[in-house]
Amino acid sequence: MSEREAARMPSGKGNDHWDESYLTELFEALRSIRDQGEFSRFFDDLCTPAELRSMADRWRVAKLLDQGLSYRVINEKTGVSTATITRVARSLTYGTGGYRMVLQRQQGEQGE
C-alpha cells in the first residue's frame, strides 16, 4: 500500500466500513462552500483546533519552501518540526502537485 493510500485509510476500529465514496462526499461538500466565512464555519465543526493548526502550519511551510527558505530558517521562523517541514518538502517535490497548483494560483491572483 502506498503512503497516499495509507493516508486515506481511517485509523482505529471499524475500518471494515471504510468506503472511498466518503472521501468523494467530503470533496463534494467542500466544493459547495461559497466563501471564507462558510469555510471557517465548516472547518471549525469538522476539525479540532489542533488539526486546523497542523493544516495551517503545513500550508505556511509550503509557502516558505516555495520562497526558497531553508529548513533551519523555516523551523526557527515557525516552530514547525523538521519532520513536518521534510514531509511538506517531499510532497512539493514528489506529491500529486496539489500544493504547487494552489501556490501558483495564489501567485497569479496577487499579480493581477
N, C-alpha and C. Protein backbone atom coordinates (compact mmCIF):
# COMPACT_ATOMS: atom_id res chain seq x y z
N MET A 1 0.85 -1.17 0.00
CA MET A 1 0.00 0.00 0.00
C MET A 1 0.90 1.24 0.00
N SER A 2 0.60 2.19 -0.87
CA SER A 2 1.40 3.41 -0.94
C SER A 2 1.10 4.31 0.26
N GLU A 3 2.00 5.27 0.48
CA GLU A 3 1.80 6.22 1.58
C GLU A 3 0.51 7.01 1.39
N ARG A 4 0.22 7.36 0.14
CA ARG A 4 -1.01 8.11 -0.15
C ARG A 4 -2.25 7.28 0.14
N GLU A 5 -2.22 6.02 -0.25
CA GLU A 5 -3.36 5.14 0.03
C GLU A 5 -3.54 4.95 1.53
N ALA A 6 -2.43 4.78 2.23
CA ALA A 6 -2.49 4.61 3.68
C ALA A 6 -3.07 5.85 4.35
N ALA A 7 -2.75 7.01 3.81
CA ALA A 7 -3.26 8.26 4.39
C ALA A 7 -4.77 8.38 4.24
N ARG A 8 -5.32 7.73 3.25
CA ARG A 8 -6.76 7.79 3.04
C ARG A 8 -7.53 6.81 3.90
N MET A 9 -6.82 5.91 4.56
CA MET A 9 -7.48 4.92 5.41
C MET A 9 -7.65 5.50 6.81
N PRO A 10 -8.83 5.45 7.36
CA PRO A 10 -9.02 5.95 8.72
C PRO A 10 -8.32 5.04 9.72
N SER A 11 -7.90 5.61 10.82
CA SER A 11 -7.27 4.81 11.85
C SER A 11 -8.32 4.37 12.86
N GLY A 12 -7.97 3.37 13.64
CA GLY A 12 -8.86 2.92 14.69
C GLY A 12 -9.76 1.78 14.25
N LYS A 13 -10.70 1.43 15.12
CA LYS A 13 -11.61 0.32 14.85
C LYS A 13 -12.65 0.71 13.82
N GLY A 14 -13.25 -0.27 13.21
CA GLY A 14 -14.32 -0.01 12.27
C GLY A 14 -13.86 0.22 10.85
N ASN A 15 -12.59 -0.09 10.53
CA ASN A 15 -12.08 0.13 9.19
C ASN A 15 -12.82 -0.71 8.15
N ASP A 16 -13.50 -1.77 8.58
CA ASP A 16 -14.23 -2.60 7.64
C ASP A 16 -15.34 -1.81 6.95
N HIS A 17 -15.72 -0.69 7.51
CA HIS A 17 -16.82 0.10 6.95
C HIS A 17 -16.34 1.27 6.11
N TRP A 18 -15.02 1.39 5.91
CA TRP A 18 -14.48 2.50 5.13
C TRP A 18 -14.80 2.29 3.66
N ASP A 19 -15.18 3.36 3.02
CA ASP A 19 -15.52 3.33 1.61
C ASP A 19 -14.97 4.62 1.00
N GLU A 20 -14.28 4.52 -0.11
CA GLU A 20 -13.69 5.68 -0.79
C GLU A 20 -14.75 6.75 -1.09
N SER A 21 -16.00 6.35 -1.20
CA SER A 21 -17.06 7.32 -1.51
C SER A 21 -17.21 8.37 -0.40
N TYR A 22 -16.79 8.03 0.83
CA TYR A 22 -16.87 9.01 1.91
C TYR A 22 -15.94 10.19 1.63
N LEU A 23 -14.78 9.89 1.07
CA LEU A 23 -13.84 10.94 0.73
C LEU A 23 -14.39 11.79 -0.42
N THR A 24 -14.99 11.13 -1.40
CA THR A 24 -15.61 11.85 -2.51
C THR A 24 -16.72 12.76 -1.99
N GLU A 25 -17.51 12.28 -1.05
CA GLU A 25 -18.58 13.11 -0.47
C GLU A 25 -18.01 14.32 0.25
N LEU A 26 -16.89 14.13 0.96
CA LEU A 26 -16.25 15.26 1.63
C LEU A 26 -15.79 16.28 0.60
N PHE A 27 -15.14 15.83 -0.47
CA PHE A 27 -14.68 16.76 -1.51
C PHE A 27 -15.85 17.51 -2.13
N GLU A 28 -16.96 16.84 -2.35
CA GLU A 28 -18.15 17.50 -2.89
C GLU A 28 -18.71 18.52 -1.90
N ALA A 29 -18.68 18.19 -0.62
CA ALA A 29 -19.12 19.15 0.39
C ALA A 29 -18.24 20.40 0.35
N LEU A 30 -16.94 20.22 0.22
CA LEU A 30 -16.03 21.36 0.14
C LEU A 30 -16.31 22.22 -1.09
N ARG A 31 -16.64 21.58 -2.19
CA ARG A 31 -16.97 22.34 -3.42
C ARG A 31 -18.21 23.20 -3.25
N SER A 32 -19.08 22.84 -2.33
CA SER A 32 -20.33 23.60 -2.16
C SER A 32 -20.14 24.86 -1.31
N ILE A 33 -18.99 24.99 -0.67
CA ILE A 33 -18.75 26.14 0.21
C ILE A 33 -18.53 27.38 -0.64
N ARG A 34 -19.18 28.47 -0.25
CA ARG A 34 -19.24 29.66 -1.10
C ARG A 34 -18.23 30.75 -0.76
N ASP A 35 -17.80 30.86 0.49
CA ASP A 35 -16.91 31.96 0.84
C ASP A 35 -16.08 31.60 2.08
N GLN A 36 -15.17 32.50 2.44
CA GLN A 36 -14.26 32.22 3.55
C GLN A 36 -15.01 32.01 4.87
N GLY A 37 -16.09 32.74 5.09
CA GLY A 37 -16.87 32.56 6.30
C GLY A 37 -17.46 31.16 6.40
N GLU A 38 -17.97 30.65 5.28
CA GLU A 38 -18.51 29.29 5.26
C GLU A 38 -17.40 28.26 5.45
N PHE A 39 -16.24 28.50 4.84
CA PHE A 39 -15.11 27.59 5.06
C PHE A 39 -14.75 27.54 6.54
N SER A 40 -14.68 28.70 7.16
CA SER A 40 -14.32 28.77 8.58
C SER A 40 -15.32 28.00 9.43
N ARG A 41 -16.60 28.20 9.20
CA ARG A 41 -17.63 27.50 9.98
C ARG A 41 -17.54 25.99 9.77
N PHE A 42 -17.39 25.57 8.50
CA PHE A 42 -17.33 24.14 8.20
C PHE A 42 -16.11 23.49 8.86
N PHE A 43 -14.93 24.12 8.69
CA PHE A 43 -13.72 23.53 9.26
C PHE A 43 -13.71 23.59 10.77
N ASP A 44 -14.31 24.61 11.37
CA ASP A 44 -14.41 24.64 12.83
C ASP A 44 -15.24 23.47 13.35
N ASP A 45 -16.26 23.08 12.61
CA ASP A 45 -17.08 21.93 13.01
C ASP A 45 -16.39 20.60 12.66
N LEU A 46 -15.70 20.57 11.53
CA LEU A 46 -15.10 19.33 11.03
C LEU A 46 -13.84 18.94 11.78
N CYS A 47 -13.01 19.91 12.15
CA CYS A 47 -11.68 19.63 12.69
C CYS A 47 -11.53 20.13 14.11
N THR A 48 -10.61 19.51 14.82
CA THR A 48 -10.25 20.02 16.13
C THR A 48 -9.34 21.23 15.93
N PRO A 49 -9.20 22.07 16.96
CA PRO A 49 -8.26 23.20 16.83
C PRO A 49 -6.84 22.74 16.48
N ALA A 50 -6.40 21.62 17.05
CA ALA A 50 -5.06 21.12 16.74
C ALA A 50 -4.94 20.69 15.28
N GLU A 51 -5.97 20.07 14.73
CA GLU A 51 -5.95 19.67 13.32
C GLU A 51 -5.89 20.90 12.42
N LEU A 52 -6.65 21.92 12.75
CA LEU A 52 -6.61 23.16 11.96
C LEU A 52 -5.24 23.81 12.02
N ARG A 53 -4.64 23.86 13.21
CA ARG A 53 -3.30 24.43 13.34
C ARG A 53 -2.29 23.63 12.53
N SER A 54 -2.40 22.31 12.55
CA SER A 54 -1.48 21.46 11.78
C SER A 54 -1.60 21.72 10.28
N MET A 55 -2.82 21.83 9.80
CA MET A 55 -3.01 22.12 8.37
C MET A 55 -2.48 23.50 8.03
N ALA A 56 -2.74 24.49 8.89
CA ALA A 56 -2.24 25.84 8.64
C ALA A 56 -0.71 25.86 8.67
N ASP A 57 -0.12 25.11 9.60
CA ASP A 57 1.35 25.02 9.66
C ASP A 57 1.90 24.43 8.37
N ARG A 58 1.31 23.36 7.87
CA ARG A 58 1.80 22.73 6.64
C ARG A 58 1.69 23.68 5.46
N TRP A 59 0.59 24.43 5.40
CA TRP A 59 0.42 25.40 4.31
C TRP A 59 1.46 26.52 4.41
N ARG A 60 1.69 27.00 5.62
CA ARG A 60 2.69 28.05 5.83
C ARG A 60 4.07 27.54 5.41
N VAL A 61 4.41 26.31 5.78
CA VAL A 61 5.69 25.72 5.41
C VAL A 61 5.80 25.60 3.89
N ALA A 62 4.74 25.17 3.22
CA ALA A 62 4.77 25.05 1.76
C ALA A 62 5.08 26.40 1.12
N LYS A 63 4.46 27.45 1.63
CA LYS A 63 4.71 28.78 1.08
C LYS A 63 6.15 29.23 1.31
N LEU A 64 6.68 28.94 2.49
CA LEU A 64 8.06 29.33 2.81
C LEU A 64 9.07 28.52 2.01
N LEU A 65 8.81 27.22 1.82
CA LEU A 65 9.68 26.40 0.98
C LEU A 65 9.65 26.92 -0.46
N ASP A 66 8.49 27.31 -0.92
CA ASP A 66 8.36 27.84 -2.28
C ASP A 66 9.16 29.13 -2.45
N GLN A 67 9.34 29.87 -1.37
CA GLN A 67 10.14 31.10 -1.40
C GLN A 67 11.64 30.80 -1.34
N GLY A 68 12.00 29.52 -1.13
CA GLY A 68 13.39 29.13 -1.12
C GLY A 68 14.06 29.14 0.24
N LEU A 69 13.29 29.30 1.30
CA LEU A 69 13.89 29.30 2.63
C LEU A 69 14.38 27.91 3.02
N SER A 70 15.43 27.85 3.81
CA SER A 70 15.98 26.58 4.26
C SER A 70 15.11 25.99 5.37
N TYR A 71 15.27 24.69 5.59
CA TYR A 71 14.54 24.01 6.65
C TYR A 71 14.84 24.68 8.00
N ARG A 72 16.10 25.00 8.23
CA ARG A 72 16.50 25.59 9.51
C ARG A 72 15.81 26.94 9.72
N VAL A 73 15.78 27.77 8.70
CA VAL A 73 15.14 29.09 8.81
C VAL A 73 13.64 28.92 9.04
N ILE A 74 13.03 27.99 8.32
CA ILE A 74 11.59 27.76 8.48
C ILE A 74 11.30 27.27 9.89
N ASN A 75 12.12 26.36 10.40
CA ASN A 75 11.94 25.86 11.76
C ASN A 75 12.06 27.00 12.77
N GLU A 76 13.07 27.84 12.60
CA GLU A 76 13.26 28.97 13.53
C GLU A 76 12.11 29.97 13.44
N LYS A 77 11.64 30.21 12.23
CA LYS A 77 10.60 31.22 11.99
C LYS A 77 9.22 30.75 12.46
N THR A 78 8.96 29.45 12.34
CA THR A 78 7.60 28.95 12.59
C THR A 78 7.47 28.05 13.82
N GLY A 79 8.56 27.42 14.22
CA GLY A 79 8.50 26.43 15.29
C GLY A 79 7.99 25.08 14.83
N VAL A 80 7.73 24.95 13.54
CA VAL A 80 7.26 23.68 12.98
C VAL A 80 8.43 22.70 12.96
N SER A 81 8.17 21.45 13.30
CA SER A 81 9.23 20.45 13.38
C SER A 81 9.87 20.21 12.02
N THR A 82 11.14 19.80 12.06
CA THR A 82 11.82 19.49 10.80
C THR A 82 11.18 18.28 10.12
N ALA A 83 10.58 17.38 10.90
CA ALA A 83 9.88 16.24 10.30
C ALA A 83 8.71 16.72 9.44
N THR A 84 7.95 17.69 9.94
CA THR A 84 6.83 18.24 9.16
C THR A 84 7.35 19.00 7.95
N ILE A 85 8.41 19.77 8.13
CA ILE A 85 8.98 20.52 7.01
C ILE A 85 9.44 19.55 5.92
N THR A 86 10.08 18.46 6.32
CA THR A 86 10.54 17.46 5.38
C THR A 86 9.37 16.81 4.65
N ARG A 87 8.31 16.51 5.38
CA ARG A 87 7.12 15.89 4.77
C ARG A 87 6.49 16.83 3.73
N VAL A 88 6.39 18.11 4.06
CA VAL A 88 5.83 19.08 3.12
C VAL A 88 6.75 19.21 1.90
N ALA A 89 8.05 19.27 2.13
CA ALA A 89 9.00 19.38 1.03
C ALA A 89 8.90 18.17 0.10
N ARG A 90 8.75 16.99 0.68
CA ARG A 90 8.60 15.77 -0.12
C ARG A 90 7.33 15.85 -0.97
N SER A 91 6.26 16.36 -0.39
CA SER A 91 5.01 16.50 -1.14
C SER A 91 5.16 17.52 -2.27
N LEU A 92 5.87 18.61 -2.00
CA LEU A 92 6.10 19.61 -3.05
C LEU A 92 6.88 19.01 -4.21
N THR A 93 7.83 18.15 -3.90
CA THR A 93 8.69 17.59 -4.94
C THR A 93 8.10 16.35 -5.59
N TYR A 94 7.55 15.45 -4.80
CA TYR A 94 7.12 14.14 -5.32
C TYR A 94 5.62 13.89 -5.21
N GLY A 95 4.87 14.84 -4.68
CA GLY A 95 3.44 14.64 -4.46
C GLY A 95 2.63 14.74 -5.73
N THR A 96 1.37 14.95 -5.56
CA THR A 96 0.45 14.98 -6.69
C THR A 96 0.34 16.35 -7.35
N GLY A 97 1.03 17.35 -6.80
CA GLY A 97 1.01 18.68 -7.39
C GLY A 97 -0.02 19.62 -6.78
N GLY A 98 -0.69 19.17 -5.73
CA GLY A 98 -1.73 20.00 -5.12
C GLY A 98 -1.20 21.28 -4.51
N TYR A 99 -0.12 21.17 -3.73
CA TYR A 99 0.47 22.39 -3.16
C TYR A 99 0.86 23.35 -4.28
N ARG A 100 1.60 22.83 -5.27
CA ARG A 100 2.12 23.67 -6.35
C ARG A 100 0.98 24.36 -7.11
N MET A 101 -0.10 23.61 -7.37
CA MET A 101 -1.24 24.17 -8.10
C MET A 101 -1.81 25.38 -7.37
N VAL A 102 -2.03 25.24 -6.06
CA VAL A 102 -2.64 26.33 -5.30
C VAL A 102 -1.65 27.48 -5.11
N LEU A 103 -0.38 27.17 -4.89
CA LEU A 103 0.63 28.22 -4.78
C LEU A 103 0.65 29.06 -6.06
N GLN A 104 0.63 28.41 -7.21
CA GLN A 104 0.65 29.13 -8.49
C GLN A 104 -0.61 29.95 -8.68
N ARG A 105 -1.75 29.40 -8.29
CA ARG A 105 -3.00 30.16 -8.41
C ARG A 105 -2.95 31.41 -7.55
N GLN A 106 -2.47 31.27 -6.33
CA GLN A 106 -2.40 32.43 -5.44
C GLN A 106 -1.41 33.46 -5.95
N GLN A 107 -0.30 33.02 -6.50
CA GLN A 107 0.68 33.95 -7.06
C GLN A 107 0.08 34.69 -8.25
N GLY A 108 -0.72 33.99 -9.06
CA GLY A 108 -1.40 34.62 -10.20
C GLY A 108 -2.40 35.66 -9.75
N GLU A 109 -3.12 35.38 -8.67
CA GLU A 109 -4.10 36.33 -8.15
C GLU A 109 -3.42 37.57 -7.57
N GLN A 110 -2.25 37.38 -6.95
CA GLN A 110 -1.54 38.51 -6.36
C GLN A 110 -0.93 39.39 -7.45
N GLY A 111 -0.62 38.81 -8.61
CA GLY A 111 -0.03 39.57 -9.71
C GLY A 111 -1.04 40.35 -10.52
N GLU A 112 -2.32 40.07 -10.33
CA GLU A 112 -3.37 40.74 -11.12
C GLU A 112 -3.65 42.12 -10.60
